Amino acid sequence: MLLQEYLKEKNLTQCQAAEALGVGQGLISSWINGERLPRPENMKKIKEWTEDAVQPNDFYLDKEEEKKDA
């Protein structure tokens, strides 16, 4: 599941996610928009915070889908 999908499903804002993960809202936005990939320590936090709904591979799989669509 993509992070953006998780936030929408749980009715959470990027600001709430940022606070829960201990990062800035801008960083959450850059992850969601595919501008940056979370560092391994942040991927671990995301996985734990989302109770395994968002996996590290989800960030890479999303990138692969973008390449196929181009």
C-alpha atoms as a PDB file:
ATOM      1  CA  MET A   1       0.000   0.000   0.000  1.00  0.00           C
ATOM      2  CA  LEU A   2       1.276   3.450  -0.832  1.00  0.00           C
ATOM      3  CA  LEU A   3       1.769   5.933   1.996  1.00  0.00           C
ATOM      4  CA  GLN A   4      -0.683   8.332   0.370  1.00  0.00           C
ATOM      5  CA  GLU A   5      -3.332   5.576   0.227  1.00  0.00           C
ATOM      6  CA  TYR A   6      -2.726   4.739   3.886  1.00  0.00           C
ATOM      7  CA  LEU A   7      -3.168   8.361   4.954  1.00  0.00           C
ATOM      8  CA  LYS A   8      -6.371   8.665   2.949  1.00  0.00           C
ATOM      9  CA  GLU A   9      -7.757   5.377   4.303  1.00  0.00           C
ATOM     10  CA  LYS A  10      -7.031   6.412   7.889  1.00  0.00           C
ATOM     11  CA  ASN A  11      -8.170  10.003   7.304  1.00  0.00           C
ATOM     12  CA  LEU A  12      -4.776  11.377   8.351  1.00  0.00           C
ATOM     13  CA  THR A  13      -2.968  14.462   7.124  1.00  0.00           C
ATOM     14  CA  GLN A  14       0.638  14.701   6.046  1.00  0.00           C
ATOM     15  CA  CYS A  15       1.226  16.865   9.125  1.00  0.00           C
ATOM     16  CA  GLN A  16      -0.114  14.142  11.409  1.00  0.00           C
ATOM     17  CA  ALA A  17       2.098  11.566   9.706  1.00  0.00           C
ATOM     18  CA  ALA A  18       5.114  13.854  10.013  1.00  0.00           C
ATOM     19  CA  GLU A  19       4.508  14.351  13.718  1.00  0.00           C
ATOM     20  CA  ALA A  20       4.066  10.626  14.325  1.00  0.00           C
ATOM     21  CA  LEU A  21       7.233   9.774  12.374  1.00  0.00           C
ATOM     22  CA  GLY A  22       9.344  12.620  13.743  1.00  0.00           C
ATOM     23  CA  VAL A  23      10.039  14.239  10.372  1.00  0.00           C
ATOM     24  CA  GLY A  24       8.954  17.402   8.603  1.00  0.00           C
ATOM     25  CA  GLN A  25       5.770  17.627   6.557  1.00  0.00           C
ATOM     26  CA  GLY A  26       7.823  18.571   3.501  1.00  0.00           C
ATOM     27  CA  LEU A  27       9.648  15.267   3.705  1.00  0.00           C
ATOM     28  CA  ILE A  28       6.358  13.350   3.851  1.00  0.00           C
ATOM     29  CA  SER A  29       5.237  15.267   0.774  1.00  0.00           C
ATOM     30  CA  SER A  30       8.437  14.445  -1.111  1.00  0.00           C
ATOM     31  CA  TRP A  31       7.989  10.733  -0.323  1.00  0.00           C
ATOM     32  CA  ILE A  32       4.375  10.773  -1.485  1.00  0.00           C
ATOM     33  CA  ASN A  33       5.228  12.663  -4.671  1.00  0.00           C
ATOM     34  CA  GLY A  34       8.075  10.278  -5.466  1.00  0.00           C
ATOM     35  CA  GLU A  35      10.693  13.005  -5.286  1.00  0.00           C
ATOM     36  CA  ARG A  36      12.667  11.192  -2.591  1.00  0.00           C
ATOM     37  CA  LEU A  37      12.819   7.756  -1.042  1.00  0.00           C
ATOM     38  CA  PRO A  38      12.755   7.402   2.730  1.00  0.00           C
ATOM     39  CA  ARG A  39      16.051   6.457   4.320  1.00  0.00           C
ATOM     40  CA  PRO A  40      16.151   2.936   5.776  1.00  0.00           C
ATOM     41  CA  GLU A  41      15.542   4.165   9.334  1.00  0.00           C
ATOM     42  CA  ASN A  42      12.477   6.105   8.175  1.00  0.00           C
ATOM     43  CA  MET A  43      11.206   3.145   6.168  1.00  0.00           C
ATOM     44  CA  LYS A  44      11.346   1.125   9.365  1.00  0.00           C
ATOM     45  CA  LYS A  45       9.382   3.829  11.227  1.00  0.00           C
ATOM     46  CA  ILE A  46       6.770   3.965   8.446  1.00  0.00           C
ATOM     47  CA  LYS A  47       6.387   0.190   8.469  1.00  0.00           C
ATOM     48  CA  GLU A  48       5.943   0.114  12.242  1.00  0.00           C
ATOM     49  CA  TRP A  49       3.662   3.159  12.374  1.00  0.00           C
ATOM     50  CA  THR A  50       1.377   1.778   9.665  1.00  0.00           C
ATOM     51  CA  GLU A  51       1.400  -1.663  11.308  1.00  0.00           C
ATOM     52  CA  ASP A  52       2.974  -3.202   8.186  1.00  0.00           C
ATOM     53  CA  ALA A  53       0.385  -1.714   5.804  1.00  0.00           C
ATOM     54  CA  VAL A  54       3.097   0.310   4.036  1.00  0.00           C
ATOM     55  CA  GLN A  55       6.193  -1.735   3.259  1.00  0.00           C
ATOM     56  CA  PRO A  56       9.595  -0.453   2.097  1.00  0.00           C
ATOM     57  CA  ASN A  57       9.114  -2.163  -1.275  1.00  0.00           C
ATOM     58  CA  ASP A  58       5.956  -0.121  -1.849  1.00  0.00           C
ATOM     59  CA  PHE A  59       8.135   2.936  -2.449  1.00  0.00           C
ATOM     60  CA  TYR A  60      10.179   1.090  -5.074  1.00  0.00           C
ATOM     61  CA  LEU A  61       7.217  -0.615  -6.724  1.00  0.00           C
ATOM     62  CA  ASP A  62       5.538   2.767  -7.185  1.00  0.00           C
ATOM     63  CA  LYS A  63       8.644   3.999  -9.018  1.00  0.00           C
ATOM     64  CA  GLU A  64       8.578   0.948 -11.300  1.00  0.00           C
ATOM     65  CA  GLU A  65       4.926   1.595 -12.175  1.00  0.00           C
ATOM     66  CA  GLU A  66       5.764   5.188 -13.123  1.00  0.00           C
ATOM     67  CA  LYS A  67       8.473   3.940 -15.501  1.00  0.00           C
ATOM     68  CA  LYS A  68       6.041   1.541 -17.184  1.00  0.00           C
ATOM     69  CA  ASP A  69       3.447   4.287 -17.669  1.00  0.00           C
ATOM     70  CA  ALA A  70       5.970   6.659 -19.293  1.00  0.00           C
END
